[in-house]
Amino acid sequence: MSLLEQHPPVQTFSPAVKDFILRFQLQQPRRPAPLLRGTRHAAVLIPIICREEPTILLTRRSDSLRKHAGQVAFPGGAADATDASIIATALRETQEEVAIPPEQVHILGTLAPQDSSSGFQVTPVIGLLPVDVTFHPAEDEVAEIFEMPLQEAFDLARYHSLDIHRRGTHHRVYLSWYQQQFVWGLTASIIRQLARQVKD
């Protein structure tokens, strides 16, 4: 049974949103999940606003943060012992960072976890948001919130790879620009991972 049958939305999904949902549900990951080194668990939400032409909601982290200051990111963070699941982690962090209530998010599924540079095993959670969703940044964590059209986000040609060797380990980092925003690292890698899964 598809998401459209399980959770009839208040609004009617546009053809572009329906196409994305079906592609995500029908396509399996192209490759097996890599062996992960991260020992701590975290989650991010990939918030997709169901506009006529859907968009991905992204944040730019505050310049005053101790880690990853000023970087473009998805809302998310470390799992808490009180979280019922890794999806609950993503929803809790999203509410804390951009004030979107969990009940406004239709969970579509998850992607395979990825390692972060800070030692976390990060699970991306895909969530659909209604067009009338309201959000505002937590001032101590988020400097800016912006939307990126899904069609542009999924253009694989926009991602450029950079190979880094650190402490005897090889890392491939992806870089991209959207308007004045520099999207790179784990965020770019997650978008690219989702794009590759639904492209075929």
N, C-alpha and C. Protein backbone atom coordinates (compact mmCIF):
# COMPACT_ATOMS: atom_id res chain seq x y z
N MET A 1 0.85 -1.20 0.00
CA MET A 1 0.00 0.00 0.00
C MET A 1 0.89 1.24 0.00
N SER A 2 0.60 2.21 -0.84
CA SER A 2 1.43 3.39 -0.96
C SER A 2 1.11 4.40 0.13
N LEU A 3 2.01 5.38 0.26
CA LEU A 3 1.79 6.46 1.23
C LEU A 3 0.51 7.21 0.91
N LEU A 4 0.21 7.37 -0.37
CA LEU A 4 -0.98 8.11 -0.76
C LEU A 4 -2.24 7.41 -0.27
N GLU A 5 -2.20 6.06 -0.21
CA GLU A 5 -3.35 5.30 0.26
C GLU A 5 -3.39 5.22 1.78
N GLN A 6 -2.20 5.16 2.41
CA GLN A 6 -2.14 5.04 3.86
C GLN A 6 -2.52 6.33 4.57
N HIS A 7 -2.01 7.45 4.05
CA HIS A 7 -2.19 8.74 4.72
C HIS A 7 -2.78 9.75 3.74
N PRO A 8 -4.06 9.72 3.47
CA PRO A 8 -4.63 10.71 2.55
C PRO A 8 -4.39 12.12 3.09
N PRO A 9 -3.67 12.97 2.36
CA PRO A 9 -3.34 14.29 2.86
C PRO A 9 -4.52 15.24 2.78
N VAL A 10 -4.41 16.31 3.56
CA VAL A 10 -5.44 17.34 3.51
C VAL A 10 -5.44 17.99 2.13
N GLN A 11 -4.25 18.19 1.59
CA GLN A 11 -4.13 18.79 0.26
C GLN A 11 -3.94 17.69 -0.77
N THR A 12 -4.11 18.03 -2.04
CA THR A 12 -3.84 17.09 -3.12
C THR A 12 -2.39 17.29 -3.55
N PHE A 13 -1.65 16.20 -3.60
CA PHE A 13 -0.26 16.30 -4.02
C PHE A 13 -0.18 16.68 -5.49
N SER A 14 0.80 17.52 -5.82
CA SER A 14 1.03 17.89 -7.21
C SER A 14 1.65 16.71 -7.95
N PRO A 15 1.60 16.70 -9.28
CA PRO A 15 2.22 15.61 -10.03
C PRO A 15 3.70 15.43 -9.69
N ALA A 16 4.41 16.52 -9.46
CA ALA A 16 5.84 16.43 -9.15
C ALA A 16 6.06 15.74 -7.81
N VAL A 17 5.22 16.03 -6.82
CA VAL A 17 5.34 15.40 -5.51
C VAL A 17 4.97 13.92 -5.60
N LYS A 18 3.87 13.61 -6.32
CA LYS A 18 3.47 12.22 -6.49
C LYS A 18 4.58 11.41 -7.16
N ASP A 19 5.21 12.01 -8.16
CA ASP A 19 6.28 11.32 -8.88
C ASP A 19 7.44 11.02 -7.93
N PHE A 20 7.80 12.00 -7.08
CA PHE A 20 8.88 11.78 -6.13
C PHE A 20 8.53 10.66 -5.15
N ILE A 21 7.31 10.69 -4.61
CA ILE A 21 6.88 9.66 -3.64
C ILE A 21 6.97 8.27 -4.26
N LEU A 22 6.43 8.13 -5.46
CA LEU A 22 6.43 6.82 -6.11
C LEU A 22 7.84 6.34 -6.43
N ARG A 23 8.68 7.27 -6.90
CA ARG A 23 10.06 6.89 -7.21
C ARG A 23 10.79 6.44 -5.95
N PHE A 24 10.57 7.15 -4.85
CA PHE A 24 11.25 6.78 -3.61
C PHE A 24 10.77 5.41 -3.13
N GLN A 25 9.46 5.19 -3.21
CA GLN A 25 8.91 3.93 -2.71
C GLN A 25 9.28 2.73 -3.59
N LEU A 26 9.45 2.96 -4.89
CA LEU A 26 9.71 1.86 -5.80
C LEU A 26 11.19 1.53 -5.95
N GLN A 27 12.05 2.52 -5.75
CA GLN A 27 13.48 2.29 -5.98
C GLN A 27 14.16 1.81 -4.71
N GLN A 28 14.98 0.80 -4.87
CA GLN A 28 15.83 0.33 -3.78
C GLN A 28 17.16 1.08 -3.86
N PRO A 29 17.87 1.18 -2.72
CA PRO A 29 19.20 1.81 -2.77
C PRO A 29 20.06 1.13 -3.82
N ARG A 30 20.84 1.94 -4.55
CA ARG A 30 21.61 1.41 -5.67
C ARG A 30 22.77 0.53 -5.21
N ARG A 31 23.30 0.81 -4.01
CA ARG A 31 24.43 0.04 -3.52
C ARG A 31 24.17 -0.35 -2.07
N PRO A 32 24.83 -1.43 -1.59
CA PRO A 32 24.68 -1.76 -0.18
C PRO A 32 25.26 -0.66 0.70
N ALA A 33 24.70 -0.50 1.90
CA ALA A 33 25.18 0.53 2.80
C ALA A 33 26.65 0.27 3.14
N PRO A 34 27.48 1.32 3.19
CA PRO A 34 28.90 1.12 3.51
C PRO A 34 29.08 0.73 4.97
N LEU A 35 30.24 0.16 5.27
CA LEU A 35 30.58 -0.16 6.65
C LEU A 35 30.83 1.15 7.38
N LEU A 36 30.09 1.38 8.45
CA LEU A 36 30.15 2.66 9.15
C LEU A 36 31.12 2.59 10.33
N ARG A 37 31.80 3.71 10.57
CA ARG A 37 32.74 3.80 11.69
C ARG A 37 32.14 4.53 12.89
N GLY A 38 31.12 5.34 12.64
CA GLY A 38 30.53 6.12 13.73
C GLY A 38 29.91 5.23 14.80
N THR A 39 30.14 5.57 16.06
CA THR A 39 29.62 4.77 17.17
C THR A 39 28.43 5.41 17.85
N ARG A 40 28.25 6.71 17.64
CA ARG A 40 27.10 7.42 18.22
C ARG A 40 26.05 7.65 17.13
N HIS A 41 24.79 7.65 17.54
CA HIS A 41 23.70 7.76 16.56
C HIS A 41 23.12 9.18 16.52
N ALA A 42 22.78 9.60 15.32
CA ALA A 42 22.14 10.90 15.10
C ALA A 42 21.20 10.77 13.93
N ALA A 43 20.35 11.77 13.75
CA ALA A 43 19.41 11.76 12.62
C ALA A 43 19.18 13.18 12.14
N VAL A 44 18.90 13.30 10.85
CA VAL A 44 18.48 14.58 10.28
C VAL A 44 17.17 14.36 9.54
N LEU A 45 16.37 15.40 9.46
CA LEU A 45 15.16 15.35 8.66
C LEU A 45 15.42 16.02 7.32
N ILE A 46 15.04 15.34 6.23
CA ILE A 46 15.04 15.97 4.91
C ILE A 46 13.61 16.47 4.70
N PRO A 47 13.34 17.74 5.02
CA PRO A 47 11.96 18.24 4.96
C PRO A 47 11.62 18.68 3.53
N ILE A 48 10.66 18.00 2.92
CA ILE A 48 10.25 18.32 1.56
C ILE A 48 8.89 19.00 1.62
N ILE A 49 8.85 20.26 1.22
CA ILE A 49 7.60 21.01 1.21
C ILE A 49 6.85 20.71 -0.08
N CYS A 50 5.61 20.26 0.05
CA CYS A 50 4.85 19.73 -1.09
C CYS A 50 4.21 20.84 -1.91
N ARG A 51 5.03 21.74 -2.42
CA ARG A 51 4.55 22.79 -3.32
C ARG A 51 4.28 22.19 -4.70
N GLU A 52 3.70 23.01 -5.59
CA GLU A 52 3.49 22.55 -6.96
C GLU A 52 4.80 22.00 -7.52
N GLU A 53 5.88 22.77 -7.32
CA GLU A 53 7.23 22.28 -7.58
C GLU A 53 7.89 22.13 -6.21
N PRO A 54 8.04 20.91 -5.71
CA PRO A 54 8.48 20.70 -4.32
C PRO A 54 9.87 21.28 -4.04
N THR A 55 10.09 21.61 -2.78
CA THR A 55 11.37 22.16 -2.35
C THR A 55 11.88 21.40 -1.14
N ILE A 56 13.19 21.48 -0.93
CA ILE A 56 13.82 20.95 0.28
C ILE A 56 14.09 22.13 1.21
N LEU A 57 13.73 21.99 2.47
CA LEU A 57 13.99 23.02 3.47
C LEU A 57 15.37 22.78 4.07
N LEU A 58 16.20 23.80 4.05
CA LEU A 58 17.55 23.71 4.60
C LEU A 58 17.80 24.85 5.58
N THR A 59 18.76 24.67 6.44
CA THR A 59 19.12 25.72 7.38
C THR A 59 20.59 26.09 7.19
N ARG A 60 20.93 27.29 7.63
CA ARG A 60 22.35 27.65 7.77
C ARG A 60 22.60 27.84 9.25
N ARG A 61 23.53 27.06 9.77
CA ARG A 61 23.78 27.06 11.20
C ARG A 61 24.38 28.38 11.67
N SER A 62 24.11 28.71 12.92
CA SER A 62 24.61 29.95 13.51
C SER A 62 26.14 29.99 13.49
N ASP A 63 26.68 31.18 13.25
CA ASP A 63 28.14 31.35 13.25
C ASP A 63 28.74 31.22 14.64
N SER A 64 27.90 31.25 15.67
CA SER A 64 28.41 31.18 17.04
C SER A 64 28.49 29.76 17.59
N LEU A 65 28.05 28.78 16.82
CA LEU A 65 28.07 27.40 17.30
C LEU A 65 29.51 26.87 17.36
N ARG A 66 29.72 25.95 18.30
CA ARG A 66 31.06 25.40 18.50
C ARG A 66 31.47 24.47 17.37
N LYS A 67 30.50 23.70 16.81
CA LYS A 67 30.79 22.76 15.73
C LYS A 67 29.97 23.10 14.49
N HIS A 68 30.62 22.99 13.33
CA HIS A 68 29.97 23.19 12.03
C HIS A 68 29.30 24.57 11.93
N ALA A 69 29.92 25.57 12.52
CA ALA A 69 29.36 26.93 12.49
C ALA A 69 29.23 27.43 11.06
N GLY A 70 28.09 28.05 10.76
CA GLY A 70 27.86 28.67 9.46
C GLY A 70 27.59 27.72 8.32
N GLN A 71 27.56 26.44 8.57
CA GLN A 71 27.37 25.47 7.49
C GLN A 71 25.89 25.26 7.17
N VAL A 72 25.62 24.96 5.90
CA VAL A 72 24.27 24.59 5.48
C VAL A 72 24.01 23.16 5.96
N ALA A 73 22.84 22.95 6.55
CA ALA A 73 22.53 21.64 7.15
C ALA A 73 21.04 21.37 7.10
N PHE A 74 20.71 20.11 7.31
CA PHE A 74 19.32 19.73 7.60
C PHE A 74 19.11 19.85 9.10
N PRO A 75 17.87 20.10 9.54
CA PRO A 75 17.62 20.06 10.97
C PRO A 75 17.88 18.65 11.49
N GLY A 76 18.53 18.56 12.63
CA GLY A 76 18.83 17.25 13.19
C GLY A 76 19.88 17.32 14.26
N GLY A 77 20.21 16.16 14.81
CA GLY A 77 21.21 16.11 15.86
C GLY A 77 21.32 14.74 16.48
N ALA A 78 22.00 14.68 17.60
CA ALA A 78 22.29 13.42 18.27
C ALA A 78 21.05 12.80 18.87
N ALA A 79 21.01 11.48 18.86
CA ALA A 79 19.91 10.76 19.49
C ALA A 79 19.97 10.94 21.00
N ASP A 80 18.80 11.05 21.60
CA ASP A 80 18.66 11.18 23.05
C ASP A 80 18.13 9.86 23.60
N ALA A 81 18.51 9.56 24.83
CA ALA A 81 18.06 8.31 25.45
C ALA A 81 16.54 8.23 25.55
N THR A 82 15.88 9.38 25.57
CA THR A 82 14.42 9.40 25.69
C THR A 82 13.71 9.28 24.34
N ASP A 83 14.45 9.33 23.22
CA ASP A 83 13.84 9.20 21.90
C ASP A 83 13.36 7.77 21.67
N ALA A 84 12.13 7.63 21.20
CA ALA A 84 11.58 6.30 20.96
C ALA A 84 12.23 5.60 19.77
N SER A 85 12.76 6.37 18.83
CA SER A 85 13.37 5.80 17.62
C SER A 85 14.25 6.86 16.99
N ILE A 86 14.98 6.46 15.96
CA ILE A 86 15.82 7.42 15.25
C ILE A 86 14.95 8.44 14.50
N ILE A 87 13.75 8.03 14.09
CA ILE A 87 12.81 8.97 13.46
C ILE A 87 12.35 10.00 14.48
N ALA A 88 12.11 9.56 15.71
CA ALA A 88 11.72 10.48 16.78
C ALA A 88 12.83 11.50 17.03
N THR A 89 14.08 11.07 16.90
CA THR A 89 15.21 12.00 17.05
C THR A 89 15.13 13.11 16.01
N ALA A 90 14.92 12.72 14.76
CA ALA A 90 14.83 13.71 13.68
C ALA A 90 13.68 14.69 13.90
N LEU A 91 12.53 14.19 14.32
CA LEU A 91 11.36 15.04 14.54
C LEU A 91 11.58 15.98 15.72
N ARG A 92 12.17 15.47 16.80
CA ARG A 92 12.43 16.31 17.98
C ARG A 92 13.39 17.44 17.64
N GLU A 93 14.48 17.09 16.97
CA GLU A 93 15.47 18.11 16.61
C GLU A 93 14.89 19.15 15.65
N THR A 94 14.04 18.70 14.73
CA THR A 94 13.41 19.63 13.79
C THR A 94 12.51 20.62 14.52
N GLN A 95 11.76 20.13 15.49
CA GLN A 95 10.91 21.03 16.28
C GLN A 95 11.76 22.02 17.07
N GLU A 96 12.87 21.55 17.63
CA GLU A 96 13.73 22.42 18.43
C GLU A 96 14.41 23.48 17.56
N GLU A 97 14.80 23.11 16.35
CA GLU A 97 15.60 24.02 15.52
C GLU A 97 14.77 24.96 14.66
N VAL A 98 13.65 24.46 14.11
CA VAL A 98 12.87 25.30 13.18
C VAL A 98 11.39 25.36 13.52
N ALA A 99 11.00 24.81 14.69
CA ALA A 99 9.64 24.93 15.23
C ALA A 99 8.56 24.29 14.37
N ILE A 100 8.90 23.19 13.69
CA ILE A 100 7.89 22.44 12.95
C ILE A 100 7.40 21.29 13.84
N PRO A 101 6.12 21.26 14.19
CA PRO A 101 5.61 20.20 15.06
C PRO A 101 5.66 18.84 14.37
N PRO A 102 5.98 17.78 15.11
CA PRO A 102 6.05 16.44 14.51
C PRO A 102 4.78 16.02 13.78
N GLU A 103 3.61 16.46 14.29
CA GLU A 103 2.36 16.03 13.67
C GLU A 103 2.15 16.63 12.28
N GLN A 104 2.97 17.62 11.88
CA GLN A 104 2.86 18.19 10.55
C GLN A 104 3.73 17.46 9.53
N VAL A 105 4.50 16.49 9.99
CA VAL A 105 5.45 15.80 9.12
C VAL A 105 4.92 14.41 8.77
N HIS A 106 4.75 14.13 7.48
CA HIS A 106 4.42 12.78 7.00
C HIS A 106 5.73 12.07 6.69
N ILE A 107 6.07 11.07 7.47
CA ILE A 107 7.32 10.34 7.26
C ILE A 107 7.19 9.44 6.04
N LEU A 108 8.11 9.63 5.10
CA LEU A 108 8.11 8.82 3.88
C LEU A 108 9.03 7.60 4.02
N GLY A 109 10.11 7.77 4.76
CA GLY A 109 11.06 6.67 4.95
C GLY A 109 12.41 7.20 5.36
N THR A 110 13.41 6.33 5.31
CA THR A 110 14.77 6.71 5.68
C THR A 110 15.74 6.27 4.59
N LEU A 111 16.91 6.90 4.61
CA LEU A 111 18.02 6.47 3.77
C LEU A 111 19.02 5.70 4.64
N ALA A 112 19.94 5.03 3.99
CA ALA A 112 20.99 4.34 4.73
C ALA A 112 21.82 5.37 5.52
N PRO A 113 22.22 5.04 6.74
CA PRO A 113 23.02 5.98 7.54
C PRO A 113 24.35 6.29 6.87
N GLN A 114 24.89 7.46 7.20
CA GLN A 114 26.21 7.87 6.74
C GLN A 114 27.04 8.30 7.93
N ASP A 115 28.36 8.16 7.81
CA ASP A 115 29.27 8.65 8.84
C ASP A 115 29.44 10.16 8.71
N SER A 116 29.49 10.83 9.84
CA SER A 116 29.81 12.26 9.85
C SER A 116 31.25 12.44 10.30
N SER A 117 31.79 13.62 10.02
CA SER A 117 33.19 13.90 10.39
C SER A 117 33.36 13.98 11.90
N SER A 118 32.26 14.13 12.64
CA SER A 118 32.34 14.25 14.10
C SER A 118 32.10 12.92 14.81
N GLY A 119 32.08 11.81 14.06
CA GLY A 119 32.00 10.50 14.68
C GLY A 119 30.61 9.95 14.88
N PHE A 120 29.61 10.56 14.25
CA PHE A 120 28.24 10.08 14.37
C PHE A 120 27.86 9.22 13.17
N GLN A 121 26.94 8.30 13.39
CA GLN A 121 26.29 7.53 12.35
C GLN A 121 24.93 8.21 12.15
N VAL A 122 24.79 8.94 11.03
CA VAL A 122 23.65 9.83 10.81
C VAL A 122 22.63 9.18 9.87
N THR A 123 21.39 9.05 10.34
CA THR A 123 20.31 8.49 9.52
C THR A 123 19.46 9.62 8.95
N PRO A 124 19.40 9.77 7.62
CA PRO A 124 18.51 10.77 7.01
C PRO A 124 17.06 10.24 6.99
N VAL A 125 16.14 11.07 7.44
CA VAL A 125 14.71 10.72 7.48
C VAL A 125 13.98 11.65 6.52
N ILE A 126 13.24 11.11 5.57
CA ILE A 126 12.51 11.94 4.60
C ILE A 126 11.12 12.23 5.13
N GLY A 127 10.78 13.52 5.22
CA GLY A 127 9.47 13.92 5.71
C GLY A 127 8.80 14.90 4.78
N LEU A 128 7.50 14.70 4.51
CA LEU A 128 6.73 15.60 3.65
C LEU A 128 6.01 16.63 4.51
N LEU A 129 6.08 17.89 4.09
CA LEU A 129 5.44 18.99 4.81
C LEU A 129 4.37 19.64 3.95
N PRO A 130 3.26 20.07 4.55
CA PRO A 130 2.23 20.76 3.77
C PRO A 130 2.70 22.13 3.32
N VAL A 131 2.07 22.66 2.28
CA VAL A 131 2.49 23.96 1.75
C VAL A 131 2.27 25.09 2.74
N ASP A 132 1.33 24.93 3.67
CA ASP A 132 1.06 26.00 4.63
C ASP A 132 1.84 25.83 5.93
N VAL A 133 2.87 24.98 5.92
CA VAL A 133 3.67 24.78 7.12
C VAL A 133 4.33 26.11 7.53
N THR A 134 4.38 26.35 8.83
CA THR A 134 5.07 27.54 9.34
C THR A 134 6.31 27.09 10.09
N PHE A 135 7.34 27.91 10.01
CA PHE A 135 8.59 27.58 10.69
C PHE A 135 9.34 28.86 11.03
N HIS A 136 10.14 28.81 12.07
CA HIS A 136 11.04 29.91 12.38
C HIS A 136 12.26 29.35 13.09
N PRO A 137 13.42 29.99 12.91
CA PRO A 137 14.67 29.43 13.43
C PRO A 137 14.83 29.64 14.93
N ALA A 138 15.45 28.66 15.59
CA ALA A 138 15.90 28.85 16.97
C ALA A 138 17.13 29.75 16.91
N GLU A 139 17.05 30.93 17.48
CA GLU A 139 18.06 31.96 17.27
C GLU A 139 19.45 31.53 17.70
N ASP A 140 19.55 30.68 18.70
CA ASP A 140 20.88 30.27 19.18
C ASP A 140 21.52 29.18 18.31
N GLU A 141 20.73 28.58 17.41
CA GLU A 141 21.26 27.48 16.58
C GLU A 141 21.23 27.76 15.09
N VAL A 142 20.22 28.48 14.62
CA VAL A 142 19.99 28.62 13.18
C VAL A 142 20.03 30.08 12.78
N ALA A 143 20.91 30.40 11.82
CA ALA A 143 21.03 31.77 11.35
C ALA A 143 20.03 32.08 10.24
N GLU A 144 19.65 31.05 9.47
CA GLU A 144 18.81 31.28 8.29
C GLU A 144 18.13 29.99 7.88
N ILE A 145 16.92 30.12 7.32
CA ILE A 145 16.21 28.99 6.73
C ILE A 145 15.93 29.34 5.27
N PHE A 146 16.15 28.39 4.37
CA PHE A 146 15.86 28.67 2.96
C PHE A 146 15.37 27.38 2.29
N GLU A 147 14.76 27.54 1.12
CA GLU A 147 14.25 26.41 0.34
C GLU A 147 15.04 26.27 -0.96
N MET A 148 15.24 25.02 -1.34
CA MET A 148 15.93 24.70 -2.59
C MET A 148 15.00 23.81 -3.41
N PRO A 149 14.69 24.20 -4.65
CA PRO A 149 13.81 23.37 -5.47
C PRO A 149 14.35 21.95 -5.61
N LEU A 150 13.48 20.97 -5.46
CA LEU A 150 13.88 19.57 -5.54
C LEU A 150 14.54 19.26 -6.87
N GLN A 151 14.01 19.85 -7.94
CA GLN A 151 14.55 19.58 -9.28
C GLN A 151 16.01 20.02 -9.36
N GLU A 152 16.33 21.18 -8.75
CA GLU A 152 17.71 21.65 -8.76
C GLU A 152 18.58 20.80 -7.83
N ALA A 153 18.02 20.45 -6.66
CA ALA A 153 18.78 19.65 -5.70
C ALA A 153 19.17 18.30 -6.29
N PHE A 154 18.33 17.75 -7.15
CA PHE A 154 18.56 16.42 -7.71
C PHE A 154 19.37 16.44 -9.01
N ASP A 155 19.86 17.60 -9.41
CA ASP A 155 20.71 17.70 -10.59
C ASP A 155 22.12 17.25 -10.19
N LEU A 156 22.47 16.01 -10.52
CA LEU A 156 23.75 15.45 -10.06
C LEU A 156 24.95 16.21 -10.61
N ALA A 157 24.77 16.92 -11.71
CA ALA A 157 25.89 17.66 -12.31
C ALA A 157 26.35 18.82 -11.43
N ARG A 158 25.52 19.23 -10.49
CA ARG A 158 25.90 20.38 -9.66
C ARG A 158 26.85 19.99 -8.53
N TYR A 159 27.05 18.69 -8.30
CA TYR A 159 27.90 18.24 -7.18
C TYR A 159 29.30 17.89 -7.68
N HIS A 160 30.28 18.52 -7.08
CA HIS A 160 31.68 18.30 -7.44
C HIS A 160 32.38 17.59 -6.29
N SER A 161 33.18 16.60 -6.61
CA SER A 161 33.83 15.81 -5.56
C SER A 161 35.24 16.33 -5.27
N LEU A 162 35.63 16.16 -4.02
CA LEU A 162 36.97 16.52 -3.57
C LEU A 162 37.45 15.38 -2.68
N ASP A 163 38.59 14.78 -3.04
CA ASP A 163 39.14 13.67 -2.26
C ASP A 163 40.12 14.19 -1.23
N ILE A 164 39.89 13.79 0.02
CA ILE A 164 40.72 14.23 1.14
C ILE A 164 41.30 13.01 1.82
N HIS A 165 42.59 13.09 2.16
CA HIS A 165 43.25 12.02 2.91
C HIS A 165 43.61 12.58 4.28
N ARG A 166 43.03 11.97 5.31
CA ARG A 166 43.24 12.45 6.67
C ARG A 166 43.50 11.25 7.59
N ARG A 167 44.62 11.31 8.29
CA ARG A 167 44.99 10.25 9.25
C ARG A 167 44.93 8.86 8.61
N GLY A 168 45.41 8.78 7.40
CA GLY A 168 45.48 7.50 6.72
C GLY A 168 44.17 7.01 6.14
N THR A 169 43.13 7.85 6.20
CA THR A 169 41.81 7.45 5.69
C THR A 169 41.40 8.36 4.55
N HIS A 170 40.80 7.74 3.52
CA HIS A 170 40.34 8.50 2.36
C HIS A 170 38.90 8.93 2.56
N HIS A 171 38.62 10.21 2.30
CA HIS A 171 37.26 10.75 2.38
C HIS A 171 36.93 11.45 1.07
N ARG A 172 35.76 11.24 0.56
CA ARG A 172 35.29 11.98 -0.61
C ARG A 172 34.22 12.97 -0.15
N VAL A 173 34.44 14.24 -0.41
CA VAL A 173 33.54 15.30 0.00
C VAL A 173 32.90 15.90 -1.24
N TYR A 174 31.60 16.18 -1.17
CA TYR A 174 30.89 16.79 -2.30
C TYR A 174 30.59 18.25 -2.01
N LEU A 175 30.73 19.07 -3.06
CA LEU A 175 30.57 20.52 -2.95
C LEU A 175 29.55 21.00 -3.97
N SER A 176 28.75 22.00 -3.60
CA SER A 176 27.77 22.56 -4.51
C SER A 176 27.39 23.96 -4.04
N TRP A 177 26.87 24.75 -4.96
CA TRP A 177 26.33 26.07 -4.64
C TRP A 177 24.86 26.12 -5.01
N TYR A 178 24.07 26.82 -4.19
CA TYR A 178 22.71 27.16 -4.57
C TYR A 178 22.52 28.63 -4.22
N GLN A 179 22.37 29.47 -5.25
CA GLN A 179 22.31 30.92 -5.07
C GLN A 179 23.55 31.33 -4.26
N GLN A 180 23.35 31.96 -3.08
CA GLN A 180 24.52 32.39 -2.31
C GLN A 180 24.93 31.37 -1.26
N GLN A 181 24.30 30.20 -1.26
CA GLN A 181 24.55 29.20 -0.22
C GLN A 181 25.55 28.15 -0.71
N PHE A 182 26.53 27.86 0.13
CA PHE A 182 27.52 26.84 -0.16
C PHE A 182 27.09 25.55 0.53
N VAL A 183 26.71 24.56 -0.25
CA VAL A 183 26.21 23.29 0.27
C VAL A 183 27.30 22.24 0.08
N TRP A 184 27.77 21.66 1.17
CA TRP A 184 28.89 20.72 1.04
C TRP A 184 28.86 19.71 2.19
N GLY A 185 29.85 18.81 2.16
CA GLY A 185 29.99 17.86 3.25
C GLY A 185 28.84 16.87 3.33
N LEU A 186 28.44 16.55 4.56
CA LEU A 186 27.41 15.54 4.77
C LEU A 186 26.08 15.95 4.15
N THR A 187 25.73 17.23 4.21
CA THR A 187 24.46 17.69 3.64
C THR A 187 24.41 17.44 2.14
N ALA A 188 25.46 17.82 1.43
CA ALA A 188 25.52 17.58 -0.01
C ALA A 188 25.52 16.08 -0.31
N SER A 189 26.21 15.31 0.51
CA SER A 189 26.27 13.86 0.30
C SER A 189 24.90 13.21 0.48
N ILE A 190 24.13 13.68 1.46
CA ILE A 190 22.80 13.13 1.69
C ILE A 190 21.85 13.47 0.55
N ILE A 191 21.88 14.73 0.08
CA ILE A 191 21.02 15.12 -1.04
C ILE A 191 21.37 14.28 -2.27
N ARG A 192 22.66 14.12 -2.50
CA ARG A 192 23.12 13.33 -3.65
C ARG A 192 22.70 11.86 -3.50
N GLN A 193 22.77 11.34 -2.30
CA GLN A 193 22.34 9.96 -2.04
C GLN A 193 20.87 9.77 -2.39
N LEU A 194 20.03 10.72 -1.97
CA LEU A 194 18.60 10.63 -2.27
C LEU A 194 18.36 10.80 -3.77
N ALA A 195 19.07 11.74 -4.39
CA ALA A 195 18.91 11.98 -5.83
C ALA A 195 19.25 10.73 -6.63
N ARG A 196 20.34 10.08 -6.28
CA ARG A 196 20.76 8.87 -7.00
C ARG A 196 19.73 7.75 -6.84
N GLN A 197 19.12 7.67 -5.65
CA GLN A 197 18.14 6.59 -5.41
C GLN A 197 16.88 6.78 -6.24
N VAL A 198 16.42 8.02 -6.42
CA VAL A 198 15.14 8.23 -7.12
C VAL A 198 15.31 8.53 -8.60
N LYS A 199 16.56 8.70 -9.06
CA LYS A 199 16.77 9.09 -10.46
C LYS A 199 16.39 7.97 -11.42
N ASP A 200 16.75 6.74 -11.09
CA ASP A 200 16.56 5.64 -12.05
C ASP A 200 15.13 5.13 -12.05
